[in-house]
C-alpha atoms as a PDB file:
ATOM      1  CA  MET A   1     -27.043  52.171 -13.244  1.00  0.00           C
ATOM      2  CA  VAL A   2     -29.158  52.058  -9.874  1.00  0.00           C
ATOM      3  CA  PHE A   3     -29.076  49.067  -7.503  1.00  0.00           C
ATOM      4  CA  SER A   4     -31.993  48.567  -5.003  1.00  0.00           C
ATOM      5  CA  SER A   5     -31.241  47.962  -1.422  1.00  0.00           C
ATOM      6  CA  ARG A   6     -31.780  44.048  -1.653  1.00  0.00           C
ATOM      7  CA  ALA A   7     -29.785  43.265  -5.316  1.00  0.00           C
ATOM      8  CA  LEU A   8     -27.365  44.767  -2.933  1.00  0.00           C
ATOM      9  CA  LEU A   9     -28.112  43.114  -0.385  1.00  0.00           C
ATOM     10  CA  LEU A  10     -27.992  40.129  -2.583  1.00  0.00           C
ATOM     11  CA  ALA A  11     -25.139  40.607  -3.977  1.00  0.00           C
ATOM     12  CA  ALA A  12     -22.827  41.110  -0.970  1.00  0.00           C
ATOM     13  CA  ALA A  13     -24.434  37.529   0.373  1.00  0.00           C
ATOM     14  CA  VAL A  14     -23.496  35.786  -2.765  1.00  0.00           C
ATOM     15  CA  ALA A  15     -19.704  37.413  -2.599  1.00  0.00           C
ATOM     16  CA  LEU A  16     -19.654  36.371   1.047  1.00  0.00           C
ATOM     17  CA  LEU A  17     -20.857  33.102   0.518  1.00  0.00           C
ATOM     18  CA  ALA A  18     -18.300  32.485  -2.133  1.00  0.00           C
ATOM     19  CA  CYS A  19     -15.005  33.412   0.320  1.00  0.00           C
ATOM     20  CA  SER A  20     -16.987  31.703   2.767  1.00  0.00           C
ATOM     21  CA  CYS A  21     -16.348  28.578   0.998  1.00  0.00           C
ATOM     22  CA  SER A  22     -13.247  29.549  -0.363  1.00  0.00           C
ATOM     23  CA  LEU A  23     -11.409  30.069   3.587  1.00  0.00           C
ATOM     24  CA  ARG A  24     -13.160  26.977   3.991  1.00  0.00           C
ATOM     25  CA  GLN A  25     -11.451  25.032   1.134  1.00  0.00           C
ATOM     26  CA  VAL A  26      -8.125  26.129   1.808  1.00  0.00           C
ATOM     27  CA  ALA A  27      -8.892  25.241   5.397  1.00  0.00           C
ATOM     28  CA  VAL A  28      -9.687  21.322   4.608  1.00  0.00           C
ATOM     29  CA  ASN A  29      -6.708  21.185   2.174  1.00  0.00           C
ATOM     30  CA  ARG A  30      -4.259  22.714   5.256  1.00  0.00           C
ATOM     31  CA  VAL A  31      -5.870  20.357   7.709  1.00  0.00           C
ATOM     32  CA  GLY A  32      -6.005  17.235   5.035  1.00  0.00           C
ATOM     33  CA  SER A  33      -2.327  17.931   4.552  1.00  0.00           C
ATOM     34  CA  ALA A  34      -0.950  17.784   7.558  1.00  0.00           C
ATOM     35  CA  VAL A  35      -3.605  14.901   8.166  1.00  0.00           C
ATOM     36  CA  ALA A  36      -2.061  13.285   5.358  1.00  0.00           C
ATOM     37  CA  GLY A  37       1.875  13.746   6.445  1.00  0.00           C
ATOM     38  CA  GLY A  38       1.236  12.690   9.518  1.00  0.00           C
ATOM     39  CA  GLY A  39       2.693   8.873   8.278  1.00  0.00           C
ATOM     40  CA  ALA A  40       5.680   9.223   9.544  1.00  0.00           C
ATOM     41  CA  SER A  41       4.979   9.531  13.337  1.00  0.00           C
ATOM     42  CA  TRP A  42       3.098   6.047  12.828  1.00  0.00           C
ATOM     43  CA  ALA A  43       5.669   4.814  10.550  1.00  0.00           C
ATOM     44  CA  SER A  44       8.486   4.631  14.046  1.00  0.00           C
ATOM     45  CA  ASP A  45       5.746   3.618  16.308  1.00  0.00           C
ATOM     46  CA  ASP A  46       6.710   0.580  18.179  1.00  0.00           C
ATOM     47  CA  ASP A  47       3.802  -0.345  19.367  1.00  0.00           C
ATOM     48  CA  PRO A  48       1.638  -1.948  16.493  1.00  0.00           C
ATOM     49  CA  GLU A  49      -0.935  -2.791  18.413  1.00  0.00           C
ATOM     50  CA  LEU A  50      -1.532   0.758  19.394  1.00  0.00           C
ATOM     51  CA  VAL A  51      -1.482   2.016  16.154  1.00  0.00           C
ATOM     52  CA  ARG A  52      -4.141  -0.976  14.730  1.00  0.00           C
ATOM     53  CA  ASP A  53      -6.716   0.377  17.043  1.00  0.00           C
ATOM     54  CA  ALA A  54      -6.061   4.091  16.311  1.00  0.00           C
ATOM     55  CA  ALA A  55      -6.483   3.423  12.299  1.00  0.00           C
ATOM     56  CA  PRO A  56      -9.799   3.330  11.939  1.00  0.00           C
ATOM     57  CA  PHE A  57     -10.909   6.954  12.988  1.00  0.00           C
ATOM     58  CA  ALA A  58      -7.558   8.280  11.257  1.00  0.00           C
ATOM     59  CA  LEU A  59      -8.921   6.359   7.829  1.00  0.00           C
ATOM     60  CA  LYS A  60     -12.084   7.204   7.958  1.00  0.00           C
ATOM     61  CA  THR A  61     -11.737  11.313   9.037  1.00  0.00           C
ATOM     62  CA  ILE A  62      -9.416  11.232   5.945  1.00  0.00           C
ATOM     63  CA  GLU A  63     -12.181   9.758   4.096  1.00  0.00           C
ATOM     64  CA  SER A  64     -14.493  12.484   5.517  1.00  0.00           C
ATOM     65  CA  LEU A  65     -12.230  15.025   4.554  1.00  0.00           C
ATOM     66  CA  LEU A  66     -11.487  14.075   0.417  1.00  0.00           C
ATOM     67  CA  ASP A  67     -15.900  14.742   0.450  1.00  0.00           C
ATOM     68  CA  GLU A  68     -14.988  18.272   1.246  1.00  0.00           C
ATOM     69  CA  ALA A  69     -11.678  18.253  -0.987  1.00  0.00           C
ATOM     70  CA  PRO A  70     -11.722  15.257  -3.637  1.00  0.00           C
ATOM     71  CA  ASP A  71      -9.122  16.058  -5.294  1.00  0.00           C
ATOM     72  CA  ASN A  72      -6.334  17.051  -2.345  1.00  0.00           C
ATOM     73  CA  GLU A  73      -3.708  14.258  -3.917  1.00  0.00           C
ATOM     74  CA  ASP A  74      -2.109  14.282  -0.308  1.00  0.00           C
ATOM     75  CA  LEU A  75      -5.055  12.996   1.207  1.00  0.00           C
ATOM     76  CA  LEU A  76      -5.732  10.793  -1.977  1.00  0.00           C
ATOM     77  CA  LEU A  77      -2.235   8.613  -1.514  1.00  0.00           C
ATOM     78  CA  ALA A  78      -2.940   8.385   2.482  1.00  0.00           C
ATOM     79  CA  ALA A  79      -6.367   7.085   2.135  1.00  0.00           C
ATOM     80  CA  THR A  80      -4.617   4.562  -0.706  1.00  0.00           C
ATOM     81  CA  ARG A  81      -1.507   3.853   1.716  1.00  0.00           C
ATOM     82  CA  GLY A  82      -3.403   3.912   4.876  1.00  0.00           C
ATOM     83  CA  PHE A  83      -5.953   0.829   3.918  1.00  0.00           C
ATOM     84  CA  ALA A  84      -3.476  -0.716   2.012  1.00  0.00           C
ATOM     85  CA  GLN A  85      -1.403  -1.123   5.157  1.00  0.00           C
ATOM     86  CA  TYR A  86      -4.391  -1.400   7.615  1.00  0.00           C
ATOM     87  CA  SER A  87      -5.565  -4.475   5.017  1.00  0.00           C
ATOM     88  CA  PHE A  88      -1.959  -6.008   5.321  1.00  0.00           C
ATOM     89  CA  ALA A  89      -0.746  -5.378   8.532  1.00  0.00           C
ATOM     90  CA  TRP A  90      -4.200  -6.245  10.216  1.00  0.00           C
ATOM     91  CA  VAL A  91      -6.924  -7.912   8.643  1.00  0.00           C
ATOM     92  CA  GLU A  92      -5.279 -10.336   5.932  1.00  0.00           C
ATOM     93  CA  GLN A  93      -3.078 -11.482   8.831  1.00  0.00           C
ATOM     94  CA  ASP A  94      -6.437 -12.179  11.271  1.00  0.00           C
ATOM     95  CA  ALA A  95      -7.313 -14.002   7.975  1.00  0.00           C
ATOM     96  CA  ASP A  96      -3.977 -16.372   8.348  1.00  0.00           C
ATOM     97  CA  ALA A  97      -3.828 -16.301  11.639  1.00  0.00           C
ATOM     98  CA  ILE A  98      -7.264 -17.946  12.102  1.00  0.00           C
ATOM     99  CA  GLU A  99      -7.407 -20.139   9.302  1.00  0.00           C
ATOM    100  CA  SER A 100      -6.844 -23.587  10.881  1.00  0.00           C
ATOM    101  CA  GLU A 101      -8.829 -22.741  13.548  1.00  0.00           C
ATOM    102  CA  ASP A 102     -12.173 -21.368  12.204  1.00  0.00           C
ATOM    103  CA  LEU A 103     -12.381 -22.106   8.248  1.00  0.00           C
ATOM    104  CA  GLN A 104     -15.134 -19.624   7.690  1.00  0.00           C
ATOM    105  CA  LYS A 105     -13.847 -16.360   9.547  1.00  0.00           C
ATOM    106  CA  ALA A 106     -11.137 -16.200   7.513  1.00  0.00           C
ATOM    107  CA  LEU A 107     -12.717 -16.594   4.597  1.00  0.00           C
ATOM    108  CA  LEU A 108     -14.668 -12.582   5.979  1.00  0.00           C
ATOM    109  CA  LEU A 109     -11.786 -11.385   6.674  1.00  0.00           C
ATOM    110  CA  ARG A 110      -9.861 -12.241   3.917  1.00  0.00           C
ATOM    111  CA  ASP A 111     -13.116 -11.037   1.713  1.00  0.00           C
ATOM    112  CA  ARG A 112     -12.789  -7.866   3.563  1.00  0.00           C
ATOM    113  CA  ALA A 113      -9.458  -7.321   3.182  1.00  0.00           C
ATOM    114  CA  ARG A 114      -9.887  -7.801  -0.294  1.00  0.00           C
ATOM    115  CA  LYS A 115     -12.796  -4.650  -0.199  1.00  0.00           C
ATOM    116  CA  LEU A 116     -10.408  -2.701   1.639  1.00  0.00           C
ATOM    117  CA  TYR A 117      -7.604  -2.989  -1.027  1.00  0.00           C
ATOM    118  CA  LEU A 118      -9.908  -1.878  -3.517  1.00  0.00           C
ATOM    119  CA  ARG A 119     -10.894   0.698  -1.860  1.00  0.00           C
ATOM    120  CA  ALA A 120      -7.517   1.942  -1.551  1.00  0.00           C
ATOM    121  CA  ALA A 121      -6.821   1.397  -5.066  1.00  0.00           C
ATOM    122  CA  ARG A 122      -9.299   3.240  -6.079  1.00  0.00           C
ATOM    123  CA  TYR A 123      -7.934   6.338  -4.084  1.00  0.00           C
ATOM    124  CA  GLY A 124      -4.939   5.939  -5.649  1.00  0.00           C
ATOM    125  CA  GLN A 125      -6.274   5.426  -9.436  1.00  0.00           C
ATOM    126  CA  ARG A 126      -8.187   8.827  -8.675  1.00  0.00           C
ATOM    127  CA  ALA A 127      -5.196  10.405  -7.958  1.00  0.00           C
ATOM    128  CA  ILE A 128      -3.119   8.944 -10.842  1.00  0.00           C
ATOM    129  CA  GLU A 129      -6.150  10.152 -13.115  1.00  0.00           C
ATOM    130  CA  LEU A 130      -5.871  13.753 -11.772  1.00  0.00           C
ATOM    131  CA  ARG A 131      -2.191  13.728 -13.788  1.00  0.00           C
ATOM    132  CA  ALA A 132      -2.300  11.468 -15.951  1.00  0.00           C
ATOM    133  CA  PRO A 133      -5.732  11.492 -16.983  1.00  0.00           C
ATOM    134  CA  GLY A 134      -7.020   8.673 -19.395  1.00  0.00           C
ATOM    135  CA  TRP A 135      -4.105   6.700 -18.278  1.00  0.00           C
ATOM    136  CA  ARG A 136      -5.800   3.405 -18.781  1.00  0.00           C
ATOM    137  CA  SER A 137      -5.813   2.870 -22.264  1.00  0.00           C
ATOM    138  CA  ASN A 138      -2.415   4.080 -23.184  1.00  0.00           C
ATOM    139  CA  PRO A 139      -0.707   3.944 -19.597  1.00  0.00           C
ATOM    140  CA  GLU A 140       2.555   3.510 -20.694  1.00  0.00           C
ATOM    141  CA  GLU A 141       2.468   6.748 -22.373  1.00  0.00           C
ATOM    142  CA  ALA A 142       0.322   8.261 -20.312  1.00  0.00           C
ATOM    143  CA  LEU A 143       2.526   7.325 -17.068  1.00  0.00           C
ATOM    144  CA  GLY A 144       5.932   8.274 -18.853  1.00  0.00           C
ATOM    145  CA  LYS A 145       4.154  11.695 -17.958  1.00  0.00           C
ATOM    146  CA  LEU A 146       4.507  11.754 -13.978  1.00  0.00           C
ATOM    147  CA  GLN A 147       7.941  12.820 -12.497  1.00  0.00           C
ATOM    148  CA  ARG A 148       8.926  11.641  -9.121  1.00  0.00           C
ATOM    149  CA  ASP A 149       6.746  13.412  -7.258  1.00  0.00           C
ATOM    150  CA  GLN A 150       4.456  10.499  -8.004  1.00  0.00           C
ATOM    151  CA  VAL A 151       6.303   7.473  -6.952  1.00  0.00           C
ATOM    152  CA  PRO A 152       4.635   7.306  -3.732  1.00  0.00           C
ATOM    153  CA  VAL A 153       1.156   7.118  -5.370  1.00  0.00           C
ATOM    154  CA  LEU A 154       2.131   4.754  -8.400  1.00  0.00           C
ATOM    155  CA  TYR A 155       3.799   2.233  -5.377  1.00  0.00           C
ATOM    156  CA  TRP A 156       1.209   2.108  -3.105  1.00  0.00           C
ATOM    157  CA  THR A 157      -1.571   1.809  -5.968  1.00  0.00           C
ATOM    158  CA  ALA A 158       0.184  -1.171  -7.428  1.00  0.00           C
ATOM    159  CA  LEU A 159       1.011  -2.634  -3.824  1.00  0.00           C
ATOM    160  CA  ALA A 160      -3.458  -2.118  -2.694  1.00  0.00           C
ATOM    161  CA  TRP A 161      -4.187  -3.475  -6.726  1.00  0.00           C
ATOM    162  CA  GLY A 162      -2.011  -6.248  -6.191  1.00  0.00           C
ATOM    163  CA  GLY A 163      -2.565  -7.165  -2.806  1.00  0.00           C
ATOM    164  CA  ALA A 164      -6.678  -7.048  -4.114  1.00  0.00           C
ATOM    165  CA  ILE A 165      -5.446  -9.612  -6.688  1.00  0.00           C
ATOM    166  CA  SER A 166      -3.349 -11.915  -5.162  1.00  0.00           C
ATOM    167  CA  ILE A 167      -6.133 -12.366  -2.769  1.00  0.00           C
ATOM    168  CA  SER A 168      -8.502 -13.527  -5.301  1.00  0.00           C
ATOM    169  CA  LYS A 169      -7.216 -15.636  -7.254  1.00  0.00           C
ATOM    170  CA  ASP A 170     -10.967 -16.862  -8.833  1.00  0.00           C
ATOM    171  CA  ASN A 171     -11.723 -13.281  -9.784  1.00  0.00           C
ATOM    172  CA  SER A 172     -10.273 -13.367 -13.622  1.00  0.00           C
ATOM    173  CA  ASP A 173     -12.039  -9.535 -13.713  1.00  0.00           C
ATOM    174  CA  LEU A 174      -9.695  -8.887 -10.732  1.00  0.00           C
ATOM    175  CA  SER A 175      -6.934 -10.457 -12.810  1.00  0.00           C
ATOM    176  CA  ALA A 176      -7.121  -9.115 -16.071  1.00  0.00           C
ATOM    177  CA  ASP A 177      -6.418  -5.823 -14.420  1.00  0.00           C
ATOM    178  CA  LEU A 178      -2.319  -7.414 -13.585  1.00  0.00           C
ATOM    179  CA  GLY A 179      -0.815  -5.756 -16.012  1.00  0.00           C
ATOM    180  CA  LEU A 180      -1.839  -2.000 -15.113  1.00  0.00           C
ATOM    181  CA  VAL A 181      -0.681  -3.007 -11.784  1.00  0.00           C
ATOM    182  CA  GLU A 182       2.455  -3.668 -13.549  1.00  0.00           C
ATOM    183  CA  GLN A 183       2.660  -0.769 -14.543  1.00  0.00           C
ATOM    184  CA  LEU A 184       2.612   1.459 -12.195  1.00  0.00           C
ATOM    185  CA  ALA A 185       4.692  -0.470 -10.536  1.00  0.00           C
ATOM    186  CA  LYS A 186       7.202  -0.733 -13.250  1.00  0.00           C
ATOM    187  CA  ARG A 187       7.111   3.643 -13.730  1.00  0.00           C
ATOM    188  CA  ALA A 188       7.412   3.553  -9.903  1.00  0.00           C
ATOM    189  CA  MET A 189      10.547   1.462 -10.423  1.00  0.00           C
ATOM    190  CA  GLU A 190      12.279   3.644 -13.249  1.00  0.00           C
ATOM    191  CA  LEU A 191      11.452   7.259 -11.365  1.00  0.00           C
ATOM    192  CA  ASP A 192      12.931   5.830  -8.210  1.00  0.00           C
ATOM    193  CA  GLU A 193      13.753   2.092  -6.952  1.00  0.00           C
ATOM    194  CA  THR A 194      15.315   4.033  -3.820  1.00  0.00           C
ATOM    195  CA  TYR A 195      11.892   4.748  -2.703  1.00  0.00           C
ATOM    196  CA  GLU A 196      10.946   3.299   1.071  1.00  0.00           C
ATOM    197  CA  LEU A 197      14.254   1.856   0.842  1.00  0.00           C
ATOM    198  CA  GLY A 198      14.175  -0.692  -1.977  1.00  0.00           C
ATOM    199  CA  ALA A 199       9.721  -1.429  -1.166  1.00  0.00           C
ATOM    200  CA  ILE A 200       9.660  -1.086  -5.087  1.00  0.00           C
ATOM    201  CA  HIS A 201      11.944  -4.601  -5.334  1.00  0.00           C
ATOM    202  CA  ASP A 202       9.462  -6.450  -2.442  1.00  0.00           C
ATOM    203  CA  PHE A 203       6.160  -5.738  -4.848  1.00  0.00           C
ATOM    204  CA  TYR A 204       8.303  -7.820  -7.943  1.00  0.00           C
ATOM    205  CA  ILE A 205       9.549 -10.266  -5.282  1.00  0.00           C
ATOM    206  CA  VAL A 206       5.918 -11.484  -5.798  1.00  0.00           C
ATOM    207  CA  TYR A 207       5.257 -10.503  -9.160  1.00  0.00           C
ATOM    208  CA  GLU A 208       7.977 -12.361 -10.469  1.00  0.00           C
ATOM    209  CA  GLY A 209       8.677 -15.079  -7.433  1.00  0.00           C
ATOM    210  CA  GLY A 210       4.524 -15.698  -7.513  1.00  0.00           C
ATOM    211  CA  ARG A 211       3.678 -16.970 -10.692  1.00  0.00           C
ATOM    212  CA  PRO A 212       5.466 -19.868 -12.871  1.00  0.00           C
ATOM    213  CA  ALA A 213       7.988 -19.164 -15.549  1.00  0.00           C
ATOM    214  CA  SER A 214       5.120 -20.529 -17.747  1.00  0.00           C
ATOM    215  CA  ALA A 215       2.714 -17.108 -16.459  1.00  0.00           C
ATOM    216  CA  GLY A 216       6.199 -15.183 -17.212  1.00  0.00           C
ATOM    217  CA  GLY A 217       7.769 -15.548 -13.738  1.00  0.00           C
ATOM    218  CA  SER A 218      10.978 -15.932 -13.128  1.00  0.00           C
ATOM    219  CA  ILE A 219      12.696 -17.379  -9.307  1.00  0.00           C
ATOM    220  CA  GLU A 220      15.646 -15.681 -10.289  1.00  0.00           C
ATOM    221  CA  ARG A 221      15.108 -12.388 -10.739  1.00  0.00           C
ATOM    222  CA  ALA A 222      12.781 -12.428  -7.895  1.00  0.00           C
ATOM    223  CA  ARG A 223      16.155 -13.599  -6.098  1.00  0.00           C
ATOM    224  CA  GLN A 224      17.568 -10.596  -7.956  1.00  0.00           C
ATOM    225  CA  HIS A 225      15.000  -8.345  -6.359  1.00  0.00           C
ATOM    226  CA  LEU A 226      16.114  -9.594  -3.029  1.00  0.00           C
ATOM    227  CA  GLU A 227      19.052  -8.816  -3.281  1.00  0.00           C
ATOM    228  CA  ARG A 228      18.496  -5.363  -4.372  1.00  0.00           C
ATOM    229  CA  ALA A 229      16.271  -4.760  -2.078  1.00  0.00           C
ATOM    230  CA  ARG A 230      18.625  -5.779   1.140  1.00  0.00           C
ATOM    231  CA  GLU A 231      20.738  -3.609  -0.401  1.00  0.00           C
ATOM    232  CA  LEU A 232      19.058  -0.690  -0.687  1.00  0.00           C
ATOM    233  CA  SER A 233      17.908  -1.241   2.733  1.00  0.00           C
ATOM    234  CA  SER A 234      21.512  -2.188   3.724  1.00  0.00           C
ATOM    235  CA  GLY A 235      19.786  -4.519   5.609  1.00  0.00           C
ATOM    236  CA  HIS A 236      17.872  -2.492   7.424  1.00  0.00           C
ATOM    237  CA  ARG A 237      14.276  -4.439   6.511  1.00  0.00           C
ATOM    238  CA  ALA A 238      12.218  -7.486   7.025  1.00  0.00           C
ATOM    239  CA  GLY A 239       9.785  -6.905   4.346  1.00  0.00           C
ATOM    240  CA  PRO A 240      11.868  -8.363   1.551  1.00  0.00           C
ATOM    241  CA  LEU A 241      13.551 -11.160   3.195  1.00  0.00           C
ATOM    242  CA  VAL A 242       9.761 -12.869   4.809  1.00  0.00           C
ATOM    243  CA  THR A 243       8.530 -12.149   1.200  1.00  0.00           C
ATOM    244  CA  PHE A 244      11.204 -14.067  -0.613  1.00  0.00           C
ATOM    245  CA  ALA A 245      10.812 -16.701   2.060  1.00  0.00           C
ATOM    246  CA  GLU A 246       6.806 -16.934   2.192  1.00  0.00           C
ATOM    247  CA  THR A 247       7.411 -16.249  -1.408  1.00  0.00           C
ATOM    248  CA  VAL A 248       9.793 -18.411  -3.687  1.00  0.00           C
ATOM    249  CA  SER A 249      11.095 -21.102  -0.338  1.00  0.00           C
ATOM    250  CA  VAL A 250       8.148 -22.666   0.304  1.00  0.00           C
ATOM    251  CA  SER A 251       6.924 -23.436  -3.208  1.00  0.00           C
ATOM    252  CA  THR A 252      10.933 -24.546  -4.173  1.00  0.00           C
ATOM    253  CA  GLN A 253      10.426 -26.142  -0.629  1.00  0.00           C
ATOM    254  CA  ASP A 254      13.820 -25.040   0.178  1.00  0.00           C
ATOM    255  CA  ARG A 255      13.367 -25.746   4.449  1.00  0.00           C
ATOM    256  CA  ALA A 256      16.814 -24.340   5.099  1.00  0.00           C
ATOM    257  CA  GLU A 257      16.338 -21.200   2.786  1.00  0.00           C
ATOM    258  CA  PHE A 258      12.944 -20.319   4.881  1.00  0.00           C
ATOM    259  CA  LEU A 259      14.337 -20.268   8.271  1.00  0.00           C
ATOM    260  CA  ARG A 260      17.790 -18.477   7.756  1.00  0.00           C
ATOM    261  CA  LEU A 261      15.664 -15.704   5.773  1.00  0.00           C
ATOM    262  CA  LEU A 262      13.478 -15.522   8.434  1.00  0.00           C
ATOM    263  CA  GLU A 263      15.522 -15.529  11.482  1.00  0.00           C
ATOM    264  CA  THR A 264      17.570 -12.466   9.672  1.00  0.00           C
ATOM    265  CA  ALA A 265      14.862 -10.929   9.434  1.00  0.00           C
ATOM    266  CA  ILE A 266      13.631 -11.463  12.998  1.00  0.00           C
ATOM    267  CA  ALA A 267      17.382 -10.357  14.345  1.00  0.00           C
ATOM    268  CA  ILE A 268      16.673  -7.136  13.082  1.00  0.00           C
ATOM    269  CA  ASP A 269      16.899  -4.257  14.833  1.00  0.00           C
ATOM    270  CA  VAL A 270      13.987  -2.279  14.613  1.00  0.00           C
ATOM    271  CA  ASP A 271      15.534   0.705  16.058  1.00  0.00           C
ATOM    272  CA  ALA A 272      18.482   1.060  13.922  1.00  0.00           C
ATOM    273  CA  VAL A 273      15.994   2.913  11.324  1.00  0.00           C
ATOM    274  CA  PRO A 274      13.157   4.064  12.623  1.00  0.00           C
ATOM    275  CA  GLU A 275      10.772   5.107   9.923  1.00  0.00           C
ATOM    276  CA  GLN A 276      11.240   1.548   9.141  1.00  0.00           C
ATOM    277  CA  ARG A 277      10.128   0.556  12.665  1.00  0.00           C
ATOM    278  CA  LEU A 278       6.280  -0.600  12.319  1.00  0.00           C
ATOM    279  CA  ALA A 279       6.742  -1.800   9.474  1.00  0.00           C
ATOM    280  CA  ASN A 280       9.606  -3.692  10.845  1.00  0.00           C
ATOM    281  CA  LEU A 281       7.469  -4.998  13.715  1.00  0.00           C
ATOM    282  CA  ILE A 282       4.858  -6.488  11.651  1.00  0.00           C
ATOM    283  CA  TYR A 283       7.069  -8.179   9.149  1.00  0.00           C
ATOM    284  CA  GLN A 284       8.842  -9.884  11.936  1.00  0.00           C
ATOM    285  CA  ARG A 285       5.903 -11.055  14.177  1.00  0.00           C
ATOM    286  CA  ARG A 286       4.635 -12.682  10.451  1.00  0.00           C
ATOM    287  CA  ALA A 287       8.388 -14.534  10.874  1.00  0.00           C
ATOM    288  CA  ARG A 288       7.473 -15.875  13.958  1.00  0.00           C
ATOM    289  CA  TRP A 289       4.226 -17.488  12.667  1.00  0.00           C
ATOM    290  CA  LEU A 290       5.289 -18.843   9.857  1.00  0.00           C
ATOM    291  CA  VAL A 291       8.414 -20.308  11.731  1.00  0.00           C
ATOM    292  CA  ALA A 292       6.155 -21.591  13.665  1.00  0.00           C
ATOM    293  CA  ARG A 293       4.496 -23.482  11.040  1.00  0.00           C
ATOM    294  CA  VAL A 294       7.476 -24.775   9.472  1.00  0.00           C
ATOM    295  CA  ASP A 295       6.379 -28.397   9.136  1.00  0.00           C
ATOM    296  CA  GLU A 296       3.198 -27.493   7.977  1.00  0.00           C
ATOM    297  CA  LEU A 297       5.117 -26.182   4.892  1.00  0.00           C
ATOM    298  CA  PHE A 298       7.493 -28.444   3.972  1.00  0.00           C
ATOM    299  CA  VAL A 299       7.260 -31.948   3.127  1.00  0.00           C
ATOM    300  CA  GLU A 300       9.992 -34.043   4.499  1.00  0.00           C
END
């Protein structure tokens, strides 16, 4: 068969374009994986405000890369984790800090935090869908097929989704998703309860301790999760202490326990476990804020 010169040129152009797109995709995936893997240096940073200032640009960069590589699991995890952390560490805590002075601004910040949590959760849901298609319709069976390498995305998706629910108690549609959130956390716990030195137990402190017994909650189970979290972290994480004090000690009006847990959290050496440094600094800041509000939180 004889090809015209025009046909040959067209075929060459198509081949070059296909090659170019392939190379571009490889480059994006490699850059994306590198960006996504950079979280360790952030976690060990000793300047929370520096991380706060840098986070928005990093998150938007991740989203831009996801536009080019929408199924990159590393990027989807980075977006899930990053937006969840940013919402909790800064936006939601800013809302709490300003509430007594400017309720309207606090409400706006909480609405922003909710949107960021949901944004994080959507990225996590996309990542889970890649490994467990249709998991929402039969979560226990579908999620049961996931393996240990999926624990990070299960954990961060549950945390983000749960965070959105916790600050949207008047949203019945969102609250209806709590069962799915618990399924994600349950599977993460089954696969690796030691992830992030037992961080999944922090989720269960809130899940069990933040619900009344009539709704299936249990202070005793929350306390068991606190002790297990402390055991797995060898006492090097402030998160479970602050979470339990704020969730359970306040609801039971146990002032002495509240102060004891927060003082223990504040005394943790943030340099003992570098990969927990940033999280510990953020939780210690919240612990000090809670201590300063003790007279508002407890009725004598």
